[in-house]
Amino acid sequence: MRLVFVSPCVEEEFYGGVQFTARLALEGLTGQVGSGETGSGQVKVLCYGPRCGLSAERRGGSADSENRFCSHSKAGAVFDALKVRGWAQRLIFWHLDLLKLLPFLGSGARRKYLFLHGVECWRPLEGFTRHLVDRIDMFLTNSEFTWNRFAEINPRWKNAPHRTVRLGVGSPEGRVEPPGRIPAAVIIGRMNAAEGYKGHRELIEAWPLVLKRISGAELWIVGGGDAAGDLKGFASAGAASGQIRFFGAVSEEEKQGLLRQSHCLVLPSRGEGFGLVYLEAMRFGRPCLSSIYDAGQEVVGPPQAGIAIDPGDTGTLAAALIRLLTPGQEWQQWSAEAQRRYESTFTAAHFQSRLLNALLETGVE
C-alpha cells in the first residue's frame, strides 16, 4: 500500500511521547510496508514543527528526501502536502492538530486514520476541525481510556470505527537487576503549571507518612517544566524535605540508570492517555503505582505489575508506597509480573505489529 504518514517532527533531537511513538511507528511501517511486493518507497513522511528540518540544515544536509518532507513553517507544510497530493492509498495523521493538512493532500486516499493520544483530543471539537474529523474512516487510540474520554466529550463520533493500538517500547532486557540500596521511588514526567495532574504534589504530601515506616526512603523527581520551582519550594517546606530529590531533565541513559536503582515507578496521575514511562519501568522489572482515574491501569494491570490508588487519599497513597518500597515476596512477585507483562505485550515490536494490523484491517489486540 502507498501510505502517507503525517506527524510532528520525527528528528531524534525532539523528544516527546508523540514524537517518540511516531519514530517507532515509522520504523515498523517502513520495514513492513516498504518491503512488500512493490518494493521500497511505499511510505512517505510529511512532518511539521517549529524547528523541523533545521538541524539537518545546520549539518549542511537536506531535511527532505524522496520520501520524507520536513517543514518548520505552515506554508512549507502546505507546499509539501501538495507534493504528494493524490499519491496515497492510506493517510494516517499522528496528531489531531495536523489534520488541517488533509485538504491539501487530496481526497483520493481510500482510508484515512487519525491517532488519538490523550489530552489533545479531550476537548470539544468544533468548526472546521469537526468537518475534517468527519472525513476520518477509522480512529486509532493508545488506550480504551483515551477513546472513551474522547467519545464522552465528543459524542458525535462515539459510534465511529475505532481500534485500540496500545503502545510499546524497546526490547526485552533479560535478567532483572536488583534495585539499589536506597529504598527509592521515582516519578518521571514534566512539571507544567497547566498540567498539574501527574501526582507530584500528592507524592510530596504523602512522603512524611512513608518515612514513619521506612526510614531513609527517598522520592526521586525527574523532569523539567515551569512548575518545578514551585514544587521544589513546596517540598523544602515540608517535613520530608531531606528525602526528596529533584534531578531535573536527564538524558536517556541517566533516566534508565535511575529506574534501575529505584524500587518502583510512581505516577499517580489523573490524566494519562497511556503513560510510556510505565513500560520503561516494567521493562526493568520495576513495579508501578498508577491511579484509578486514567489509562495507567490498562498498562500496569494491577495487581499484576503494581497498585492503582486514588491519589487524593493521602493515607492510601502512603500505604501503597510503603508496600512498593518493602523488599520481600510481594515485591519479587510484582517485579517478575511487571517484566513478564512488558515482554508479552508492550515491546516496540508488539506496538508496530498492532499498528500494521490496524492499517491492514486484519484486527488488532
Protein backbone atom coordinates (compact mmCIF):
# COMPACT_ATOMS: atom_id res chain seq x y z
CA MET A 1 0.00 0.00 0.00
CA ARG A 2 1.02 3.60 -0.55
CA LEU A 3 0.93 5.36 2.80
CA VAL A 4 1.49 8.98 3.79
CA PHE A 5 2.36 9.41 7.47
CA VAL A 6 1.64 12.95 8.74
CA SER A 7 3.42 13.67 12.00
CA PRO A 8 5.05 16.23 14.28
CA CYS A 9 8.80 16.42 13.79
CA VAL A 10 10.39 12.96 13.92
CA GLU A 11 14.03 14.02 14.22
CA GLU A 12 15.83 12.30 17.09
CA GLU A 13 16.67 15.50 18.95
CA PHE A 14 13.00 16.25 19.58
CA TYR A 15 11.64 14.19 22.44
CA GLY A 16 8.05 13.87 23.49
CA GLY A 17 5.65 11.00 23.70
CA VAL A 18 4.02 11.81 20.37
CA GLN A 19 7.35 12.26 18.57
CA PHE A 20 8.82 9.13 20.16
CA THR A 21 5.89 6.92 19.17
CA ALA A 22 5.90 8.44 15.68
CA ARG A 23 9.50 7.32 15.22
CA LEU A 24 8.67 3.82 16.44
CA ALA A 25 5.64 3.65 14.16
CA LEU A 26 7.70 4.71 11.16
CA GLU A 27 10.42 2.15 11.90
CA GLY A 28 7.81 -0.58 11.78
CA LEU A 29 5.88 0.73 8.80
CA THR A 30 8.87 1.40 6.59
CA GLY A 31 10.23 -2.03 7.44
CA GLN A 32 6.98 -3.84 6.61
CA VAL A 33 5.17 -1.72 4.04
CA GLY A 34 8.36 -0.75 2.23
CA SER A 35 9.49 -4.36 1.87
CA GLY A 36 6.37 -5.53 0.07
CA GLU A 37 5.99 -6.76 -3.48
CA THR A 38 6.11 -3.26 -4.91
CA GLY A 39 9.49 -2.57 -3.32
CA SER A 40 10.68 0.36 -1.25
CA GLY A 41 9.32 3.87 -1.19
CA GLN A 42 5.74 2.99 -0.27
CA VAL A 43 5.77 5.13 2.88
CA LYS A 44 6.14 8.89 2.58
CA VAL A 45 6.54 11.03 5.69
CA LEU A 46 5.20 14.56 5.99
CA CYS A 47 6.36 16.13 9.25
CA TYR A 48 5.91 19.64 10.56
CA GLY A 49 7.09 21.59 13.61
CA PRO A 50 8.54 24.99 14.52
CA ARG A 51 12.12 23.63 14.27
CA CYS A 52 11.51 20.70 11.95
CA GLY A 53 14.37 20.16 9.50
CA LEU A 54 16.55 22.91 10.92
CA SER A 55 19.07 20.52 12.48
CA ALA A 56 19.62 18.85 9.12
CA GLU A 57 20.18 22.24 7.51
CA ARG A 58 22.70 23.14 10.22
CA ARG A 59 24.58 19.94 9.44
CA GLY A 60 24.81 21.04 5.82
CA GLY A 61 22.36 18.46 4.55
CA SER A 62 18.76 18.49 3.45
CA ALA A 63 15.85 17.54 5.64
CA ASP A 64 13.90 16.45 2.58
CA SER A 65 14.31 13.31 0.53
CA GLU A 66 12.23 11.46 -1.98
CA ASN A 67 10.12 10.02 0.80
CA ARG A 68 10.47 12.48 3.70
CA PHE A 69 9.31 16.08 3.73
CA CYS A 70 10.08 18.26 6.75
CA SER A 71 8.94 21.83 7.23
CA HIS A 72 9.19 24.36 10.04
CA SER A 73 6.64 26.74 8.51
CA LYS A 74 2.93 26.37 7.85
CA ALA A 75 3.36 27.46 4.24
CA GLY A 76 6.12 24.89 3.80
CA ALA A 77 3.95 22.13 5.24
CA VAL A 78 1.16 23.01 2.80
CA PHE A 79 3.63 23.00 -0.10
CA ASP A 80 4.95 19.60 0.99
CA ALA A 81 1.40 18.24 1.20
CA LEU A 82 0.74 19.38 -2.34
CA LYS A 83 3.86 17.50 -3.50
CA VAL A 84 2.28 14.17 -2.51
CA ARG A 85 -1.33 15.13 -3.21
CA GLY A 86 -3.34 12.21 -4.53
CA TRP A 87 -0.47 9.70 -4.18
CA ALA A 88 -1.58 7.84 -1.04
CA GLN A 89 -3.92 4.90 -0.71
CA ARG A 90 -3.89 5.45 3.04
CA LEU A 91 -3.31 8.56 5.14
CA ILE A 92 -2.50 8.43 8.83
CA PHE A 93 -2.38 11.57 10.95
CA TRP A 94 -0.30 11.14 14.11
CA HIS A 95 -1.72 14.22 15.80
CA LEU A 96 -5.11 15.89 15.69
CA ASP A 97 -3.66 19.36 15.03
CA LEU A 98 -2.08 18.16 11.77
CA LEU A 99 -5.43 17.17 10.34
CA LYS A 100 -5.63 20.69 8.89
CA LEU A 101 -3.31 19.45 6.11
CA LEU A 102 -5.93 16.97 4.87
CA PRO A 103 -7.49 19.30 2.25
CA PHE A 104 -4.09 19.80 0.63
CA LEU A 105 -3.40 16.06 0.45
CA GLY A 106 -6.48 15.42 -1.68
CA SER A 107 -9.43 13.09 -1.21
CA GLY A 108 -8.16 10.13 -3.22
CA ALA A 109 -6.98 8.02 -0.28
CA ARG A 110 -9.24 5.04 0.29
CA ARG A 111 -8.69 5.09 4.05
CA LYS A 112 -7.88 7.94 6.41
CA TYR A 113 -6.77 7.32 10.01
CA LEU A 114 -6.32 9.62 13.00
CA PHE A 115 -4.29 8.53 16.03
CA LEU A 116 -5.56 9.96 19.33
CA HIS A 117 -3.02 10.17 22.16
CA GLY A 118 -4.89 11.83 25.01
CA VAL A 119 -5.10 15.41 26.17
CA GLU A 120 -5.09 16.89 22.65
CA CYS A 121 -8.46 15.27 21.91
CA TRP A 122 -10.12 15.72 25.29
CA ARG A 123 -11.84 18.95 24.31
CA PRO A 124 -14.96 19.70 22.28
CA LEU A 125 -14.09 19.78 18.58
CA GLU A 126 -15.89 22.46 16.64
CA GLY A 127 -15.89 24.40 13.39
CA PHE A 128 -13.57 23.34 10.59
CA THR A 129 -11.86 20.75 12.82
CA ARG A 130 -15.17 18.95 13.19
CA HIS A 131 -15.59 18.92 9.40
CA LEU A 132 -12.12 17.40 8.98
CA VAL A 133 -12.66 14.78 11.67
CA ASP A 134 -15.87 13.73 9.89
CA ARG A 135 -13.67 12.62 6.99
CA ILE A 136 -11.73 10.11 9.11
CA ASP A 137 -12.53 6.49 8.28
CA MET A 138 -11.03 4.98 11.43
CA PHE A 139 -9.79 6.33 14.75
CA LEU A 140 -6.77 4.71 16.38
CA THR A 141 -6.18 5.23 20.09
CA ASN A 142 -3.42 4.29 22.50
CA SER A 143 -5.88 3.10 25.16
CA GLU A 144 -9.55 2.47 25.75
CA PHE A 145 -9.45 5.27 28.31
CA THR A 146 -8.37 7.76 25.64
CA TRP A 147 -11.17 6.66 23.33
CA ASN A 148 -13.88 6.64 25.99
CA ARG A 149 -12.98 10.12 27.19
CA PHE A 150 -12.84 11.45 23.62
CA ALA A 151 -16.23 9.92 22.83
CA GLU A 152 -17.75 11.27 26.04
CA ILE A 153 -16.63 14.81 25.24
CA ASN A 154 -17.38 14.46 21.52
CA PRO A 155 -20.39 12.11 21.27
CA ARG A 156 -20.73 12.92 17.57
CA TRP A 157 -18.15 10.19 16.91
CA LYS A 158 -18.91 7.72 19.70
CA ASN A 159 -20.07 5.08 17.21
CA ALA A 160 -17.32 5.71 14.66
CA PRO A 161 -14.95 2.84 13.78
CA HIS A 162 -12.01 2.75 16.12
CA ARG A 163 -9.20 0.41 17.13
CA THR A 164 -7.09 0.46 20.27
CA VAL A 165 -3.40 0.23 19.34
CA ARG A 166 -1.54 0.03 22.63
CA LEU A 167 1.98 1.40 22.59
CA GLY A 168 5.26 -0.37 23.22
CA VAL A 169 8.92 0.48 23.76
CA GLY A 170 12.29 -1.22 23.40
CA SER A 171 13.05 -4.91 23.52
CA PRO A 172 13.31 -7.42 26.39
CA GLU A 173 16.07 -6.58 28.84
CA GLY A 174 16.90 -10.06 30.08
CA ARG A 175 17.81 -10.61 33.72
CA VAL A 176 16.24 -8.18 36.16
CA GLU A 177 18.86 -6.38 38.25
CA PRO A 178 18.11 -5.85 41.94
CA PRO A 179 17.36 -2.26 42.98
CA GLY A 180 19.89 -0.05 44.74
CA ARG A 181 20.44 0.05 48.48
CA ILE A 182 18.35 3.21 48.94
CA PRO A 183 14.59 2.49 49.11
CA ALA A 184 13.66 4.94 46.36
CA ALA A 185 10.52 5.62 44.34
CA VAL A 186 10.93 7.59 41.12
CA ILE A 187 8.42 9.74 39.28
CA ILE A 188 9.29 10.79 35.72
CA GLY A 189 7.29 13.45 33.93
CA ARG A 190 7.04 17.10 33.08
CA MET A 191 6.02 19.58 35.75
CA ASN A 192 3.93 22.20 33.99
CA ALA A 193 1.53 24.51 35.79
CA ALA A 194 -1.13 23.86 33.15
CA GLU A 195 -0.80 20.10 33.64
CA GLY A 196 -0.72 19.65 37.39
CA TYR A 197 -2.37 16.23 37.24
CA LYS A 198 0.60 13.85 37.37
CA GLY A 199 0.68 13.50 41.15
CA HIS A 200 3.91 15.29 42.17
CA ARG A 201 2.26 17.33 44.91
CA GLU A 202 0.34 14.34 46.26
CA LEU A 203 3.54 12.28 46.50
CA ILE A 204 5.34 15.08 48.34
CA GLU A 205 2.45 15.34 50.81
CA ALA A 206 2.49 11.58 51.43
CA TRP A 207 6.24 11.22 51.91
CA PRO A 208 6.37 12.06 55.65
CA LEU A 209 3.97 9.15 56.24
CA VAL A 210 6.25 6.87 54.21
CA LEU A 211 9.26 7.89 56.31
CA LYS A 212 7.49 6.90 59.50
CA ARG A 213 7.58 3.30 58.29
CA ILE A 214 10.67 3.23 56.06
CA SER A 215 13.49 5.34 57.42
CA GLY A 216 15.70 6.74 54.67
CA ALA A 217 13.18 6.26 51.86
CA GLU A 218 13.70 8.76 49.04
CA LEU A 219 11.40 10.24 46.43
CA TRP A 220 13.24 10.94 43.17
CA ILE A 221 11.59 13.51 40.92
CA VAL A 222 12.80 13.55 37.33
CA GLY A 223 11.82 16.09 34.68
CA GLY A 224 11.56 19.78 33.99
CA GLY A 225 8.82 22.30 33.47
CA ASP A 226 7.58 25.68 34.60
CA ALA A 227 6.11 24.28 37.83
CA ALA A 228 9.36 22.67 39.01
CA GLY A 229 10.33 25.70 41.11
CA ASP A 230 7.00 25.77 42.93
CA LEU A 231 7.19 22.05 43.67
CA LYS A 232 10.73 22.40 45.00
CA GLY A 233 9.54 25.12 47.34
CA PHE A 234 6.60 23.01 48.45
CA ALA A 235 8.90 20.06 49.15
CA SER A 236 11.50 22.13 51.03
CA ALA A 237 8.82 23.49 53.33
CA GLY A 238 7.65 20.02 54.32
CA ALA A 239 8.81 17.57 56.96
CA ALA A 240 10.38 15.22 54.38
CA SER A 241 12.43 17.80 52.50
CA GLY A 242 15.73 16.00 53.07
CA GLN A 243 14.43 12.82 51.44
CA ILE A 244 13.00 14.34 48.27
CA ARG A 245 15.45 14.87 45.39
CA PHE A 246 14.87 16.81 42.18
CA PHE A 247 17.04 15.67 39.27
CA GLY A 248 15.68 17.99 36.57
CA ALA A 249 15.72 16.92 32.94
CA VAL A 250 18.09 13.98 32.39
CA SER A 251 19.47 12.06 29.45
CA GLU A 252 18.00 8.75 28.36
CA GLU A 253 20.98 6.94 29.86
CA GLU A 254 20.58 8.73 33.20
CA LYS A 255 16.85 8.01 33.23
CA GLN A 256 17.45 4.31 32.73
CA GLY A 257 20.04 4.35 35.49
CA LEU A 258 17.59 5.89 37.94
CA LEU A 259 14.92 3.35 37.02
CA ARG A 260 17.35 0.50 37.60
CA GLN A 261 18.37 1.89 41.01
CA SER A 262 14.79 2.57 42.10
CA HIS A 263 12.42 0.15 43.78
CA CYS A 264 9.34 1.35 41.88
CA LEU A 265 7.93 3.86 39.39
CA VAL A 266 5.19 6.07 40.83
CA LEU A 267 2.85 8.12 38.66
CA PRO A 268 -0.46 8.68 40.49
CA SER A 269 -1.77 10.77 37.60
CA ARG A 270 -5.32 11.75 36.78
CA GLY A 271 -4.87 12.28 33.06
CA GLU A 272 -2.52 9.83 31.32
CA GLY A 273 -3.74 8.77 27.89
CA PHE A 274 -1.28 5.89 28.17
CA GLY A 275 1.97 6.51 30.08
CA LEU A 276 5.08 5.27 28.27
CA VAL A 277 7.15 5.59 31.43
CA TYR A 278 5.26 2.67 32.98
CA LEU A 279 6.62 0.46 30.20
CA GLU A 280 10.15 1.76 30.69
CA ALA A 281 9.96 0.77 34.36
CA MET A 282 8.28 -2.60 33.74
CA ARG A 283 11.00 -3.46 31.22
CA PHE A 284 13.48 -3.38 34.12
CA GLY A 285 11.15 -5.34 36.40
CA ARG A 286 10.08 -2.34 38.45
CA PRO A 287 6.53 -2.41 39.81
CA CYS A 288 4.42 0.69 39.26
CA LEU A 289 1.93 2.84 41.09
CA SER A 290 -0.85 4.31 38.95
CA SER A 291 -4.15 5.97 39.74
CA ILE A 292 -7.68 4.66 39.31
CA TYR A 293 -8.59 7.65 37.15
CA ASP A 294 -6.71 7.22 33.86
CA ALA A 295 -5.14 4.74 31.45
CA GLY A 296 -2.39 3.70 33.84
CA GLN A 297 -4.48 0.74 34.95
CA GLU A 298 -4.64 -0.58 31.37
CA VAL A 299 -0.85 -0.56 31.21
CA VAL A 300 0.08 -1.78 34.69
CA GLY A 301 -2.83 -4.19 35.07
CA PRO A 302 -2.98 -4.04 38.88
CA PRO A 303 -2.46 -6.09 40.91
CA GLN A 304 -0.21 -7.78 38.35
CA ALA A 305 2.56 -5.22 37.96
CA GLY A 306 1.72 -2.85 40.79
CA ILE A 307 -1.04 -0.93 42.53
CA ALA A 308 -3.71 1.56 41.43
CA ILE A 309 -4.95 4.07 44.02
CA ASP A 310 -6.92 7.27 44.48
CA PRO A 311 -4.19 9.95 44.59
CA GLY A 312 -6.46 12.22 46.58
CA ASP A 313 -6.39 9.84 49.56
CA THR A 314 -3.04 10.58 51.21
CA GLY A 315 -3.22 7.67 53.64
CA THR A 316 -3.98 5.13 50.94
CA LEU A 317 -1.24 6.57 48.73
CA ALA A 318 1.32 6.35 51.53
CA ALA A 319 0.31 2.77 52.33
CA ALA A 320 0.76 1.77 48.69
CA LEU A 321 4.18 3.45 48.54
CA ILE A 322 5.29 1.61 51.66
CA ARG A 323 4.29 -1.74 50.13
CA LEU A 324 6.13 -0.99 46.89
CA LEU A 325 9.29 0.01 48.76
CA THR A 326 9.33 -3.00 51.07
CA PRO A 327 11.56 -5.88 49.92
CA GLY A 328 10.21 -9.39 50.12
CA GLN A 329 7.99 -11.90 48.35
CA GLU A 330 5.32 -9.39 47.34
CA TRP A 331 7.87 -7.09 45.72
CA GLN A 332 9.56 -10.02 43.95
CA GLN A 333 6.23 -11.17 42.54
CA TRP A 334 5.37 -7.69 41.31
CA SER A 335 8.80 -7.36 39.74
CA ALA A 336 8.50 -10.66 37.87
CA GLU A 337 4.96 -9.87 36.71
CA ALA A 338 6.00 -6.38 35.56
CA GLN A 339 8.73 -7.80 33.35
CA ARG A 340 6.51 -10.61 32.07
CA ARG A 341 3.67 -8.22 31.24
CA TYR A 342 6.08 -5.96 29.36
CA GLU A 343 7.70 -8.78 27.41
CA SER A 344 4.39 -10.41 26.46
CA THR A 345 2.51 -7.28 25.40
CA PHE A 346 4.40 -4.00 25.37
CA THR A 347 7.64 -4.20 23.38
CA ALA A 348 8.19 -1.92 20.40
CA ALA A 349 7.63 -4.91 18.11
CA HIS A 350 4.22 -5.56 19.67
CA PHE A 351 3.18 -1.96 19.06
CA GLN A 352 4.44 -1.96 15.47
CA SER A 353 2.60 -5.19 14.73
CA ARG A 354 -0.64 -3.86 16.22
CA LEU A 355 -0.39 -0.69 14.16
CA LEU A 356 0.26 -2.54 10.91
CA ASN A 357 -2.63 -4.90 11.60
CA ALA A 358 -4.94 -1.95 12.16
CA LEU A 359 -3.91 -0.35 8.87
CA LEU A 360 -4.37 -3.64 7.06
CA GLU A 361 -7.74 -4.12 8.82
CA THR A 362 -6.92 -7.62 9.98
CA GLY A 363 -7.85 -6.92 13.58
CA VAL A 364 -5.82 -5.63 16.46
CA GLU A 365 -5.32 -6.63 20.05
